[in-house]
């Protein structure tokens, strides 16, 4: 017997793929400024798009390659907390001009007390 269904549907619709990341990402309610440096060069300013205990997504002006090692300093909105980490670049999405969106993993996870000032 032929399978009955909606006309025009060859198969059932696909479900959205689950996000299996190790850490929950947070879109900060406040602006997080970051200063980043690659290979000991001069620091440049960027912004944090989202953050988790394991890494961050940065909006920067500049070109980077995957697997680059960055030194980042994250500063929360009220400028009351600074956190410095090494970050390995995992993904780079190039924007117009010299802008880039960089996703990376920290060398060690942020603790609860380190993450809290960035998400409140």
N, C-alpha and C. Protein backbone atom coordinates (compact mmCIF):
# COMPACT_ATOMS: atom_id res chain seq x y z
N UNK A 1 0.84 -1.16 0.00
CA UNK A 1 0.00 0.00 0.00
C UNK A 1 0.90 1.24 0.00
N UNK A 2 0.65 2.22 -0.85
CA UNK A 2 1.47 3.43 -0.90
C UNK A 2 1.29 4.26 0.37
N UNK A 3 2.36 4.94 0.73
CA UNK A 3 2.35 5.78 1.92
C UNK A 3 1.54 7.04 1.65
N UNK A 4 0.67 7.36 2.57
CA UNK A 4 -0.15 8.55 2.40
C UNK A 4 0.47 9.70 3.16
N UNK A 5 0.42 10.86 2.63
CA UNK A 5 0.97 12.05 3.27
C UNK A 5 0.51 13.27 2.52
N UNK A 6 1.11 14.35 2.82
CA UNK A 6 0.77 15.59 2.15
C UNK A 6 1.30 15.58 0.73
N UNK A 7 0.54 16.07 -0.22
CA UNK A 7 1.04 16.12 -1.58
C UNK A 7 2.24 17.06 -1.69
N UNK A 8 3.23 16.64 -2.42
CA UNK A 8 4.43 17.45 -2.62
C UNK A 8 5.53 17.16 -1.62
N UNK A 9 5.27 16.35 -0.63
CA UNK A 9 6.29 16.00 0.36
C UNK A 9 6.84 14.63 0.02
N UNK A 10 8.10 14.56 -0.32
CA UNK A 10 8.71 13.28 -0.64
C UNK A 10 9.06 12.50 0.62
N UNK A 11 9.42 13.20 1.67
CA UNK A 11 9.75 12.55 2.94
C UNK A 11 9.40 13.50 4.07
N UNK A 12 9.46 13.02 5.28
CA UNK A 12 9.11 13.85 6.42
C UNK A 12 10.15 14.96 6.59
N UNK A 13 9.73 16.11 7.08
CA UNK A 13 10.67 17.23 7.22
C UNK A 13 11.77 16.90 8.24
N UNK A 14 12.96 17.46 8.00
CA UNK A 14 14.08 17.20 8.89
C UNK A 14 13.95 18.03 10.16
N UNK A 15 14.37 17.45 11.25
CA UNK A 15 14.38 18.17 12.51
C UNK A 15 15.65 19.00 12.62
N UNK A 16 15.57 20.03 13.39
CA UNK A 16 16.76 20.86 13.61
C UNK A 16 17.79 20.05 14.39
N UNK A 17 19.03 20.22 13.99
CA UNK A 17 20.12 19.51 14.65
C UNK A 17 20.36 20.11 16.03
N UNK A 18 20.52 19.26 17.01
CA UNK A 18 20.75 19.72 18.38
C UNK A 18 22.14 20.34 18.52
N UNK A 19 22.23 21.30 19.40
CA UNK A 19 23.51 21.95 19.66
C UNK A 19 24.19 21.20 20.80
N UNK A 20 25.29 20.54 20.51
CA UNK A 20 25.97 19.70 21.49
C UNK A 20 27.26 20.36 21.99
N UNK A 21 27.26 21.66 22.19
CA UNK A 21 28.46 22.34 22.67
C UNK A 21 28.70 21.99 24.13
N UNK A 22 29.96 22.04 24.52
CA UNK A 22 30.32 21.69 25.89
C UNK A 22 29.88 22.77 26.88
N UNK A 23 29.83 24.02 26.45
CA UNK A 23 29.48 25.14 27.34
C UNK A 23 28.33 25.93 26.74
N UNK A 24 27.46 26.44 27.61
CA UNK A 24 26.34 27.26 27.18
C UNK A 24 26.86 28.65 26.80
N UNK A 25 26.41 29.14 25.65
CA UNK A 25 26.82 30.48 25.20
C UNK A 25 25.81 31.51 25.69
N UNK A 26 26.33 32.69 26.04
CA UNK A 26 25.49 33.79 26.50
C UNK A 26 25.72 35.00 25.63
N UNK A 27 24.63 35.62 25.18
CA UNK A 27 24.73 36.91 24.50
C UNK A 27 24.69 37.96 25.60
N UNK A 28 25.76 38.69 25.80
CA UNK A 28 25.82 39.60 26.95
C UNK A 28 24.81 40.73 26.86
N UNK A 29 24.26 41.10 28.02
CA UNK A 29 23.30 42.20 28.09
C UNK A 29 24.02 43.54 28.06
N UNK A 30 25.31 43.53 28.30
CA UNK A 30 26.12 44.74 28.29
C UNK A 30 27.23 44.59 27.25
N UNK A 31 27.80 45.68 26.86
CA UNK A 31 28.89 45.61 25.89
C UNK A 31 30.16 45.13 26.59
N UNK A 32 30.79 44.12 26.01
CA UNK A 32 32.05 43.61 26.54
C UNK A 32 33.14 44.03 25.56
N UNK A 33 34.07 44.82 26.06
CA UNK A 33 35.20 45.28 25.27
C UNK A 33 36.32 44.25 25.42
N UNK A 34 37.05 44.00 24.37
CA UNK A 34 38.21 43.13 24.49
C UNK A 34 39.40 43.77 23.79
N UNK A 35 40.56 43.50 24.33
CA UNK A 35 41.82 43.88 23.70
C UNK A 35 42.50 42.58 23.34
N UNK A 36 42.93 42.47 22.09
CA UNK A 36 43.52 41.22 21.62
C UNK A 36 44.85 41.49 20.93
N UNK A 37 45.70 40.48 21.01
CA UNK A 37 47.01 40.56 20.39
C UNK A 37 47.34 39.18 19.83
N UNK A 38 47.96 39.16 18.68
CA UNK A 38 48.36 37.91 18.04
C UNK A 38 49.89 37.89 17.92
N UNK A 39 50.50 36.86 18.46
CA UNK A 39 51.96 36.68 18.39
C UNK A 39 52.74 37.84 18.97
N UNK A 40 52.26 38.40 20.07
CA UNK A 40 52.99 39.46 20.75
C UNK A 40 52.95 40.81 20.08
N UNK A 41 52.11 40.98 19.07
CA UNK A 41 52.01 42.28 18.40
C UNK A 41 51.26 43.26 19.29
N UNK A 42 51.09 44.47 18.83
CA UNK A 42 50.39 45.50 19.57
C UNK A 42 48.92 45.12 19.75
N UNK A 43 48.35 45.50 20.89
CA UNK A 43 46.96 45.17 21.17
C UNK A 43 46.02 45.99 20.30
N UNK A 44 44.91 45.37 19.91
CA UNK A 44 43.86 46.03 19.14
C UNK A 44 42.54 45.86 19.90
N UNK A 45 41.58 46.73 19.63
CA UNK A 45 40.29 46.71 20.32
C UNK A 45 39.29 45.89 19.52
N UNK A 46 38.43 45.17 20.23
CA UNK A 46 37.35 44.41 19.62
C UNK A 46 36.15 44.38 20.56
N UNK A 47 35.10 43.72 20.13
CA UNK A 47 33.90 43.54 20.96
C UNK A 47 33.58 42.07 21.05
N UNK A 48 32.92 41.67 22.13
CA UNK A 48 32.52 40.28 22.32
C UNK A 48 31.06 40.16 21.91
N UNK A 49 30.79 39.25 20.97
CA UNK A 49 29.43 39.00 20.51
C UNK A 49 28.71 38.02 21.42
N UNK A 50 29.38 36.93 21.78
CA UNK A 50 28.85 36.01 22.78
C UNK A 50 30.01 35.37 23.52
N UNK A 51 29.69 34.84 24.70
CA UNK A 51 30.73 34.30 25.57
C UNK A 51 30.20 33.06 26.28
N UNK A 52 31.10 32.15 26.55
CA UNK A 52 30.78 30.97 27.34
C UNK A 52 31.98 30.68 28.23
N UNK A 53 31.86 29.68 29.08
CA UNK A 53 32.98 29.32 29.94
C UNK A 53 34.16 28.82 29.10
N UNK A 54 33.89 28.24 27.95
CA UNK A 54 34.94 27.64 27.13
C UNK A 54 35.52 28.52 26.04
N UNK A 55 34.86 29.63 25.70
CA UNK A 55 35.36 30.47 24.61
C UNK A 55 34.51 31.69 24.37
N UNK A 56 34.79 32.38 23.27
CA UNK A 56 34.07 33.61 22.96
C UNK A 56 34.05 33.83 21.45
N UNK A 57 33.13 34.67 21.02
CA UNK A 57 33.05 35.11 19.64
C UNK A 57 33.35 36.60 19.63
N UNK A 58 34.39 36.99 18.90
CA UNK A 58 34.86 38.37 18.89
C UNK A 58 34.57 39.03 17.55
N UNK A 59 34.21 40.31 17.60
CA UNK A 59 34.06 41.13 16.40
C UNK A 59 35.28 42.04 16.37
N UNK A 60 36.15 41.83 15.39
CA UNK A 60 37.42 42.56 15.36
C UNK A 60 37.65 43.21 14.01
N UNK A 61 38.57 44.13 13.98
CA UNK A 61 39.04 44.72 12.73
C UNK A 61 40.42 44.14 12.49
N UNK A 62 40.52 43.30 11.50
CA UNK A 62 41.78 42.64 11.21
C UNK A 62 41.53 41.27 10.59
N UNK A 63 42.57 40.69 10.08
CA UNK A 63 42.48 39.37 9.45
C UNK A 63 43.27 38.37 10.26
N UNK A 64 42.64 37.27 10.58
CA UNK A 64 43.28 36.18 11.30
C UNK A 64 43.02 34.88 10.58
N UNK A 65 43.81 33.89 10.88
CA UNK A 65 43.63 32.55 10.34
C UNK A 65 43.25 31.61 11.47
N UNK A 66 42.59 30.51 11.11
CA UNK A 66 42.25 29.48 12.10
C UNK A 66 43.54 28.94 12.71
N UNK A 67 43.47 28.52 13.95
CA UNK A 67 44.58 28.00 14.76
C UNK A 67 45.56 29.07 15.22
N UNK A 68 45.26 30.34 14.99
CA UNK A 68 46.11 31.41 15.52
C UNK A 68 45.92 31.48 17.04
N UNK A 69 46.97 31.84 17.73
CA UNK A 69 46.93 31.97 19.19
C UNK A 69 46.82 33.45 19.54
N UNK A 70 45.76 33.81 20.27
CA UNK A 70 45.53 35.20 20.67
C UNK A 70 45.68 35.34 22.18
N UNK A 71 46.12 36.50 22.59
CA UNK A 71 46.05 36.90 23.99
C UNK A 71 44.91 37.90 24.06
N UNK A 72 43.89 37.60 24.87
CA UNK A 72 42.72 38.48 24.96
C UNK A 72 42.54 38.96 26.39
N UNK A 73 42.12 40.19 26.52
CA UNK A 73 41.74 40.78 27.80
C UNK A 73 40.30 41.24 27.66
N UNK A 74 39.40 40.65 28.44
CA UNK A 74 37.97 40.95 28.39
C UNK A 74 37.63 41.88 29.54
N UNK A 75 36.88 42.94 29.24
CA UNK A 75 36.48 43.93 30.24
C UNK A 75 34.96 44.04 30.21
N UNK A 76 34.32 43.88 31.38
CA UNK A 76 32.85 43.93 31.42
C UNK A 76 32.35 45.36 31.21
N UNK A 77 31.03 45.50 31.05
CA UNK A 77 30.41 46.79 30.72
C UNK A 77 30.71 47.92 31.69
N UNK A 78 30.55 47.70 33.01
CA UNK A 78 30.83 48.78 33.95
C UNK A 78 32.33 49.01 34.22
N UNK A 79 33.19 48.26 33.55
CA UNK A 79 34.65 48.36 33.70
C UNK A 79 35.09 48.07 35.14
N UNK A 80 34.48 47.03 35.73
CA UNK A 80 34.83 46.64 37.09
C UNK A 80 35.55 45.29 37.15
N UNK A 81 35.67 44.62 36.00
CA UNK A 81 36.28 43.28 35.99
C UNK A 81 37.06 43.08 34.71
N UNK A 82 38.28 42.57 34.84
CA UNK A 82 39.12 42.25 33.69
C UNK A 82 39.54 40.79 33.80
N UNK A 83 39.47 40.09 32.69
CA UNK A 83 39.87 38.69 32.65
C UNK A 83 40.80 38.49 31.45
N UNK A 84 41.98 37.97 31.68
CA UNK A 84 42.95 37.74 30.61
C UNK A 84 43.07 36.25 30.35
N UNK A 85 43.07 35.87 29.07
CA UNK A 85 43.16 34.47 28.67
C UNK A 85 43.92 34.36 27.35
N UNK A 86 44.42 33.17 27.09
CA UNK A 86 44.91 32.80 25.76
C UNK A 86 43.71 32.18 25.04
N UNK A 87 43.58 32.46 23.75
CA UNK A 87 42.46 31.93 22.98
C UNK A 87 42.97 31.40 21.64
N UNK A 88 42.59 30.19 21.31
CA UNK A 88 42.93 29.60 20.02
C UNK A 88 41.78 29.82 19.07
N UNK A 89 42.05 30.39 17.91
CA UNK A 89 41.01 30.69 16.92
C UNK A 89 40.53 29.39 16.28
N UNK A 90 39.23 29.17 16.33
CA UNK A 90 38.62 27.97 15.75
C UNK A 90 37.98 28.29 14.40
N UNK A 91 37.26 29.43 14.35
CA UNK A 91 36.58 29.82 13.10
C UNK A 91 36.78 31.29 12.84
N UNK A 92 36.85 31.63 11.57
CA UNK A 92 36.94 33.03 11.16
C UNK A 92 35.96 33.26 10.02
N UNK A 93 35.08 34.24 10.20
CA UNK A 93 34.16 34.65 9.15
C UNK A 93 34.56 36.06 8.76
N UNK A 94 34.90 36.25 7.52
CA UNK A 94 35.36 37.56 7.05
C UNK A 94 34.19 38.42 6.65
N UNK A 95 34.23 39.64 7.11
CA UNK A 95 33.20 40.59 6.77
C UNK A 95 33.69 41.52 5.68
N UNK A 96 33.02 42.63 5.54
CA UNK A 96 33.44 43.60 4.53
C UNK A 96 34.68 44.34 5.01
N UNK A 97 35.53 44.66 4.10
CA UNK A 97 36.76 45.37 4.46
C UNK A 97 37.68 44.51 5.30
N UNK A 98 38.10 45.07 6.43
CA UNK A 98 39.02 44.35 7.31
C UNK A 98 38.32 43.74 8.51
N UNK A 99 37.00 43.78 8.56
CA UNK A 99 36.26 43.24 9.70
C UNK A 99 36.20 41.73 9.65
N UNK A 100 36.23 41.10 10.84
CA UNK A 100 36.14 39.65 10.95
C UNK A 100 35.35 39.28 12.20
N UNK A 101 34.69 38.14 12.12
CA UNK A 101 34.05 37.53 13.28
C UNK A 101 34.88 36.30 13.61
N UNK A 102 35.41 36.26 14.81
CA UNK A 102 36.36 35.22 15.21
C UNK A 102 35.77 34.43 16.37
N UNK A 103 35.68 33.12 16.21
CA UNK A 103 35.24 32.24 17.28
C UNK A 103 36.44 31.46 17.78
N UNK A 104 36.58 31.40 19.09
CA UNK A 104 37.75 30.72 19.62
C UNK A 104 37.50 30.06 20.97
N UNK A 105 38.44 29.20 21.35
CA UNK A 105 38.37 28.47 22.60
C UNK A 105 39.47 28.97 23.54
N UNK A 106 39.11 29.17 24.81
CA UNK A 106 40.08 29.61 25.81
C UNK A 106 41.02 28.47 26.16
N UNK A 107 42.21 28.82 26.65
CA UNK A 107 43.17 27.81 27.08
C UNK A 107 42.67 27.06 28.30
N UNK A 108 41.89 27.72 29.15
CA UNK A 108 41.23 27.07 30.28
C UNK A 108 39.89 27.74 30.49
N UNK A 109 38.92 26.98 30.96
CA UNK A 109 37.56 27.50 31.10
C UNK A 109 37.48 28.60 32.14
N UNK A 110 36.53 29.51 31.91
CA UNK A 110 36.25 30.54 32.89
C UNK A 110 35.49 29.89 34.05
N UNK A 111 35.82 30.26 35.26
CA UNK A 111 35.08 29.77 36.41
C UNK A 111 33.75 30.53 36.49
N UNK A 112 32.89 30.09 37.38
CA UNK A 112 31.60 30.75 37.57
C UNK A 112 31.81 32.22 37.95
N UNK A 113 32.74 32.47 38.87
CA UNK A 113 33.00 33.84 39.33
C UNK A 113 33.61 34.71 38.23
N UNK A 114 34.32 34.11 37.29
CA UNK A 114 34.90 34.87 36.18
C UNK A 114 33.86 35.16 35.10
N UNK A 115 32.94 34.24 34.87
CA UNK A 115 31.92 34.40 33.83
C UNK A 115 30.79 35.34 34.25
N UNK A 116 30.45 35.33 35.53
CA UNK A 116 29.30 36.08 36.04
C UNK A 116 29.33 37.58 35.73
N UNK A 117 30.46 38.30 35.88
CA UNK A 117 30.44 39.74 35.57
C UNK A 117 30.14 40.06 34.10
N UNK A 118 30.31 39.11 33.21
CA UNK A 118 30.08 39.36 31.79
C UNK A 118 28.64 39.11 31.36
N UNK A 119 27.89 38.34 32.13
CA UNK A 119 26.53 37.98 31.70
C UNK A 119 25.44 38.69 32.50
N UNK A 120 25.81 39.39 33.56
CA UNK A 120 24.81 40.14 34.36
C UNK A 120 24.74 41.58 33.93
